[in-house]
C-alpha atoms as a PDB file:
ATOM      1  CA  MET A   1     118.007 156.381  99.099  1.00  0.00           C
ATOM      2  CA  LYS A   2     115.675 153.658  99.922  1.00  0.00           C
ATOM      3  CA  LYS A   3     112.733 155.069  97.726  1.00  0.00           C
ATOM      4  CA  LEU A   4     115.311 155.267  94.747  1.00  0.00           C
ATOM      5  CA  MET A   5     115.923 151.606  95.007  1.00  0.00           C
ATOM      6  CA  LYS A   6     112.931 150.840  95.413  1.00  0.00           C
ATOM      7  CA  GLY A   7     111.631 152.598  92.367  1.00  0.00           C
ATOM      8  CA  LEU A   8     114.428 151.460  90.304  1.00  0.00           C
ATOM      9  CA  LEU A   9     113.881 147.613  91.282  1.00  0.00           C
ATOM     10  CA  SER A  10     109.915 147.991  90.331  1.00  0.00           C
ATOM     11  CA  MET A  11     110.702 149.705  87.147  1.00  0.00           C
ATOM     12  CA  ALA A  12     113.544 146.913  86.572  1.00  0.00           C
ATOM     13  CA  LEU A  13     110.731 144.221  87.458  1.00  0.00           C
ATOM     14  CA  MET A  14     107.898 145.877  85.394  1.00  0.00           C
ATOM     15  CA  LEU A  15     110.279 145.749  82.086  1.00  0.00           C
ATOM     16  CA  SER A  16     111.094 142.036  82.603  1.00  0.00           C
ATOM     17  CA  VAL A  17     107.541 141.429  82.952  1.00  0.00           C
ATOM     18  CA  VAL A  18     106.608 143.652  79.766  1.00  0.00           C
ATOM     19  CA  ALA A  19     109.707 141.818  78.338  1.00  0.00           C
ATOM     20  CA  CYS A  20     108.690 138.552  79.070  1.00  0.00           C
ATOM     21  CA  SER A  21     105.005 138.721  78.088  1.00  0.00           C
ATOM     22  CA  SER A  22     106.369 140.059  74.554  1.00  0.00           C
ATOM     23  CA  ALA A  23     108.796 137.226  74.133  1.00  0.00           C
ATOM     24  CA  ASP A  24     107.835 134.037  72.626  1.00  0.00           C
ATOM     25  CA  ASN A  25     104.582 135.633  70.538  1.00  0.00           C
ATOM     26  CA  LEU A  26     105.708 132.979  67.666  1.00  0.00           C
ATOM     27  CA  GLN A  27     104.841 129.568  68.790  1.00  0.00           C
ATOM     28  CA  LEU A  28     105.104 126.894  66.297  1.00  0.00           C
ATOM     29  CA  GLU A  29     102.528 124.283  65.684  1.00  0.00           C
ATOM     30  CA  VAL A  30     104.152 122.647  63.219  1.00  0.00           C
ATOM     31  CA  THR A  31     108.239 122.805  62.706  1.00  0.00           C
ATOM     32  CA  GLU A  32     108.109 121.083  59.709  1.00  0.00           C
ATOM     33  CA  ILE A  33     105.955 119.843  57.138  1.00  0.00           C
ATOM     34  CA  THR A  34     105.850 117.331  53.495  1.00  0.00           C
ATOM     35  CA  VAL A  35     103.963 119.237  50.269  1.00  0.00           C
ATOM     36  CA  GLU A  36     103.549 117.251  47.317  1.00  0.00           C
ATOM     37  CA  TYR A  37     104.982 118.692  44.233  1.00  0.00           C
ATOM     38  CA  GLY A  38     102.533 120.319  42.038  1.00  0.00           C
ATOM     39  CA  ASP A  39     100.530 121.079  45.750  1.00  0.00           C
ATOM     40  CA  PRO A  40     100.961 124.870  46.906  1.00  0.00           C
ATOM     41  CA  LEU A  41     102.730 125.963  50.262  1.00  0.00           C
ATOM     42  CA  SER A  42     100.922 128.044  52.548  1.00  0.00           C
ATOM     43  CA  LEU A  43     102.108 130.724  53.382  1.00  0.00           C
ATOM     44  CA  ASP A  44      99.714 131.446  56.086  1.00  0.00           C
ATOM     45  CA  PRO A  45     101.065 131.922  59.504  1.00  0.00           C
ATOM     46  CA  LYS A  46      97.691 130.418  60.908  1.00  0.00           C
ATOM     47  CA  ASP A  47      98.747 127.159  59.511  1.00  0.00           C
ATOM     48  CA  TYR A  48     101.871 127.133  61.565  1.00  0.00           C
ATOM     49  CA  LEU A  49     101.449 128.795  64.718  1.00  0.00           C
ATOM     50  CA  ILE A  50      99.472 127.779  67.745  1.00  0.00           C
ATOM     51  CA  GLU A  51      95.766 128.087  67.628  1.00  0.00           C
ATOM     52  CA  ASP A  52      95.553 130.668  70.161  1.00  0.00           C
ATOM     53  CA  THR A  53      98.006 133.198  68.373  1.00  0.00           C
ATOM     54  CA  SER A  54      96.080 136.537  68.258  1.00  0.00           C
ATOM     55  CA  GLU A  55      95.008 138.167  65.092  1.00  0.00           C
ATOM     56  CA  ASP A  56      97.107 140.866  65.430  1.00  0.00           C
ATOM     57  CA  ILE A  57     100.436 138.958  65.742  1.00  0.00           C
ATOM     58  CA  LEU A  58      98.907 136.817  62.721  1.00  0.00           C
ATOM     59  CA  ASN A  59      98.203 139.702  60.666  1.00  0.00           C
ATOM     60  CA  ASP A  60     101.597 141.183  61.178  1.00  0.00           C
ATOM     61  CA  THR A  61     103.701 138.034  61.053  1.00  0.00           C
ATOM     62  CA  LYS A  62     105.788 138.011  57.316  1.00  0.00           C
ATOM     63  CA  ALA A  63     106.534 134.358  56.261  1.00  0.00           C
ATOM     64  CA  GLU A  64     109.004 133.914  53.523  1.00  0.00           C
ATOM     65  CA  VAL A  65     110.352 131.128  51.742  1.00  0.00           C
ATOM     66  CA  PHE A  66     114.405 130.189  51.645  1.00  0.00           C
ATOM     67  CA  VAL A  67     116.205 127.157  49.697  1.00  0.00           C
ATOM     68  CA  VAL A  68     118.163 124.571  51.553  1.00  0.00           C
ATOM     69  CA  GLU A  69     121.657 123.539  50.390  1.00  0.00           C
ATOM     70  CA  ASP A  70     124.116 121.917  51.687  1.00  0.00           C
ATOM     71  CA  ASP A  71     122.020 121.854  54.700  1.00  0.00           C
ATOM     72  CA  GLN A  72     121.991 125.756  54.642  1.00  0.00           C
ATOM     73  CA  LYS A  73     119.306 128.363  54.765  1.00  0.00           C
ATOM     74  CA  ALA A  74     119.716 130.673  51.706  1.00  0.00           C
ATOM     75  CA  ASP A  75     120.656 134.452  52.271  1.00  0.00           C
ATOM     76  CA  GLU A  76     117.679 135.493  50.516  1.00  0.00           C
ATOM     77  CA  PRO A  77     114.225 134.631  50.303  1.00  0.00           C
ATOM     78  CA  LEU A  78     112.598 133.183  47.236  1.00  0.00           C
ATOM     79  CA  GLU A  79     110.135 135.582  45.513  1.00  0.00           C
ATOM     80  CA  THR A  80     107.299 132.766  45.503  1.00  0.00           C
ATOM     81  CA  ASP A  81     103.605 132.753  46.627  1.00  0.00           C
ATOM     82  CA  GLY A  82     104.185 129.013  47.379  1.00  0.00           C
ATOM     83  CA  THR A  83     102.767 127.371  44.286  1.00  0.00           C
ATOM     84  CA  ASP A  84     105.777 127.245  42.123  1.00  0.00           C
ATOM     85  CA  LEU A  85     108.245 125.143  44.416  1.00  0.00           C
ATOM     86  CA  GLU A  86     110.769 122.519  43.069  1.00  0.00           C
ATOM     87  CA  VAL A  87     111.432 119.176  44.506  1.00  0.00           C
ATOM     88  CA  GLY A  88     113.856 119.838  47.708  1.00  0.00           C
ATOM     89  CA  ASN A  89     114.233 121.434  50.953  1.00  0.00           C
ATOM     90  CA  TYR A  90     113.212 124.482  52.124  1.00  0.00           C
ATOM     91  CA  ILE A  91     112.719 126.895  55.359  1.00  0.00           C
ATOM     92  CA  LEU A  92     109.542 128.526  55.737  1.00  0.00           C
ATOM     93  CA  SER A  93     110.667 131.321  58.230  1.00  0.00           C
ATOM     94  CA  LEU A  94     107.344 133.286  59.946  1.00  0.00           C
ATOM     95  CA  ALA A  95     108.955 136.730  61.139  1.00  0.00           C
ATOM     96  CA  TYR A  96     106.979 139.233  63.809  1.00  0.00           C
ATOM     97  CA  ASN A  97     108.980 142.231  65.700  1.00  0.00           C
ATOM     98  CA  ASP A  98     112.469 140.655  66.515  1.00  0.00           C
ATOM     99  CA  GLU A  99     111.379 136.935  66.742  1.00  0.00           C
ATOM    100  CA  THR A 100     111.836 134.243  64.337  1.00  0.00           C
ATOM    101  CA  GLU A 101     110.530 130.819  63.861  1.00  0.00           C
ATOM    102  CA  ASP A 102     111.455 128.656  61.023  1.00  0.00           C
ATOM    103  CA  VAL A 103     109.526 125.584  59.686  1.00  0.00           C
ATOM    104  CA  ASN A 104     111.182 122.735  57.521  1.00  0.00           C
ATOM    105  CA  VAL A 105     109.794 122.122  54.341  1.00  0.00           C
ATOM    106  CA  THR A 106     110.131 119.016  52.193  1.00  0.00           C
ATOM    107  CA  VAL A 107     108.583 119.099  48.577  1.00  0.00           C
ATOM    108  CA  GLU A 108     108.591 115.950  47.373  1.00  0.00           C
ATOM    109  CA  ASP A 109     106.992 114.261  44.175  1.00  0.00           C
ATOM    110  CA  THR A 110     105.337 110.743  45.268  1.00  0.00           C
ATOM    111  CA  THR A 111     102.451 110.317  42.610  1.00  0.00           C
ATOM    112  CA  ALA A 112     102.669 108.077  40.215  1.00  0.00           C
ATOM    113  CA  PRO A 113     101.462 110.147  36.815  1.00  0.00           C
ATOM    114  CA  GLU A 114      97.777 109.031  35.409  1.00  0.00           C
ATOM    115  CA  PHE A 115      96.944 107.635  31.954  1.00  0.00           C
ATOM    116  CA  VAL A 116      94.706 110.024  29.743  1.00  0.00           C
ATOM    117  CA  ASP A 117      92.101 108.262  27.602  1.00  0.00           C
ATOM    118  CA  PHE A 118      93.654 105.033  27.879  1.00  0.00           C
ATOM    119  CA  THR A 119      92.862 102.270  25.368  1.00  0.00           C
ATOM    120  CA  ASP A 120      93.108  98.331  26.355  1.00  0.00           C
ATOM    121  CA  GLU A 121      93.056  97.627  22.753  1.00  0.00           C
ATOM    122  CA  ILE A 122      94.163  99.217  19.644  1.00  0.00           C
ATOM    123  CA  SER A 123      94.104  97.893  15.887  1.00  0.00           C
ATOM    124  CA  ILE A 124      96.592  98.328  13.184  1.00  0.00           C
ATOM    125  CA  GLU A 125      96.936  97.227  10.143  1.00  0.00           C
ATOM    126  CA  GLN A 126      98.873  94.274   9.116  1.00  0.00           C
ATOM    127  CA  GLY A 127     102.243  95.187   7.208  1.00  0.00           C
ATOM    128  CA  THR A 128     102.068  98.989   8.834  1.00  0.00           C
ATOM    129  CA  GLU A 129     106.207  99.968   9.133  1.00  0.00           C
ATOM    130  CA  GLY A 130     107.483 102.255  11.747  1.00  0.00           C
ATOM    131  CA  VAL A 131     104.885 102.208  14.270  1.00  0.00           C
ATOM    132  CA  THR A 132     106.317 104.020  17.650  1.00  0.00           C
ATOM    133  CA  LEU A 133     103.660 102.694  20.337  1.00  0.00           C
ATOM    134  CA  GLU A 134     105.094 105.067  22.615  1.00  0.00           C
ATOM    135  CA  ASN A 135     103.205 107.528  20.366  1.00  0.00           C
ATOM    136  CA  LEU A 136      99.852 106.213  21.265  1.00  0.00           C
ATOM    137  CA  PHE A 137      99.512 106.646  24.447  1.00  0.00           C
ATOM    138  CA  LYS A 138      99.621 109.854  26.629  1.00  0.00           C
ATOM    139  CA  ALA A 139      99.929 110.235  31.115  1.00  0.00           C
ATOM    140  CA  GLU A 140     100.110 113.964  33.059  1.00  0.00           C
ATOM    141  CA  ASP A 141     101.711 114.355  36.181  1.00  0.00           C
ATOM    142  CA  ALA A 142     103.236 117.308  37.378  1.00  0.00           C
ATOM    143  CA  SER A 143     106.819 116.326  36.238  1.00  0.00           C
ATOM    144  CA  ASN A 144     107.985 115.359  33.198  1.00  0.00           C
ATOM    145  CA  VAL A 145     106.536 111.688  32.356  1.00  0.00           C
ATOM    146  CA  GLU A 146     108.238 109.347  29.624  1.00  0.00           C
ATOM    147  CA  ILE A 147     106.082 106.681  28.410  1.00  0.00           C
ATOM    148  CA  THR A 148     108.094 103.034  27.804  1.00  0.00           C
ATOM    149  CA  VAL A 149     106.172 100.160  25.729  1.00  0.00           C
ATOM    150  CA  THR A 150     107.417  96.436  26.395  1.00  0.00           C
ATOM    151  CA  ALA A 151     106.517  94.533  23.615  1.00  0.00           C
ATOM    152  CA  ASP A 152     107.136  92.170  20.698  1.00  0.00           C
ATOM    153  CA  VAL A 153     104.900  92.855  17.824  1.00  0.00           C
ATOM    154  CA  ASP A 154     104.837  91.172  14.133  1.00  0.00           C
ATOM    155  CA  TYR A 155     103.386  93.828  12.140  1.00  0.00           C
ATOM    156  CA  ASN A 156     103.340  91.013   9.076  1.00  0.00           C
ATOM    157  CA  THR A 157     101.350  88.339  11.248  1.00  0.00           C
ATOM    158  CA  VAL A 158      97.864  88.780  11.779  1.00  0.00           C
ATOM    159  CA  GLY A 159      97.401  88.078  15.617  1.00  0.00           C
ATOM    160  CA  THR A 160      96.743  90.198  19.191  1.00  0.00           C
ATOM    161  CA  TYR A 161     100.133  90.791  20.880  1.00  0.00           C
ATOM    162  CA  PRO A 162      99.842  91.818  24.496  1.00  0.00           C
ATOM    163  CA  ILE A 163     101.988  94.805  25.604  1.00  0.00           C
ATOM    164  CA  LYS A 164     102.587  96.384  28.722  1.00  0.00           C
ATOM    165  CA  VAL A 165     102.462 100.435  28.782  1.00  0.00           C
ATOM    166  CA  ILE A 166     104.321 101.970  30.963  1.00  0.00           C
ATOM    167  CA  ALA A 167     104.414 106.019  32.527  1.00  0.00           C
ATOM    168  CA  LYS A 168     107.156 107.356  34.892  1.00  0.00           C
ATOM    169  CA  ASP A 169     108.203 110.565  35.817  1.00  0.00           C
ATOM    170  CA  GLU A 170     111.354 111.873  36.451  1.00  0.00           C
ATOM    171  CA  TYR A 171     111.262 110.934  40.189  1.00  0.00           C
ATOM    172  CA  ASP A 172     110.502 107.318  39.526  1.00  0.00           C
ATOM    173  CA  ASN A 173     106.957 107.162  40.047  1.00  0.00           C
ATOM    174  CA  ALA A 174     105.474 104.698  37.356  1.00  0.00           C
ATOM    175  CA  THR A 175     102.336 103.672  36.317  1.00  0.00           C
ATOM    176  CA  GLU A 176     102.116 100.597  34.256  1.00  0.00           C
ATOM    177  CA  LYS A 177      98.915  99.515  32.397  1.00  0.00           C
ATOM    178  CA  ASP A 178      98.487  96.330  29.996  1.00  0.00           C
ATOM    179  CA  CYS A 179      97.439  96.633  26.208  1.00  0.00           C
ATOM    180  CA  ASN A 180      96.348  94.190  23.299  1.00  0.00           C
ATOM    181  CA  ILE A 181      97.742  95.200  19.526  1.00  0.00           C
ATOM    182  CA  VAL A 182      95.148  93.403  17.209  1.00  0.00           C
END
């Protein structure tokens, strides 16, 4: 009976050692990241797990992205390669066997639009009617851009008129430049 008890205790001890050694295979290096809108979110587990995570674990870890709405993780993952995420909050879920670790992801737009081929001076013929100054400028950004012009131009009087051109994206990032209408 003592041998049977010793055998059972040894087996239980070995099972607990094996169970403990297989637990915590996923150890996060980072628990939250911020990604600029338009930049890709990496779905590579090695970018989030500690440096000495084995190659086998890295290769067998599945990464999925979930939307966060009302502080809740969605039930179903997004179909994404990480390049098409809109501004908002997400969870990158890393799964290996029965282990799961989550990384909080925030996608935000903090980059102001950039003008394309901006001209400091624009000539318009005296007496020209119906000029829409906004159409004379172009700006690029990852999100939608609106161009506005602050100007007080008298198209019937020869002169130089300073104007301010503003390119603003949908997240209130803006770039302003000065120009002259001659």
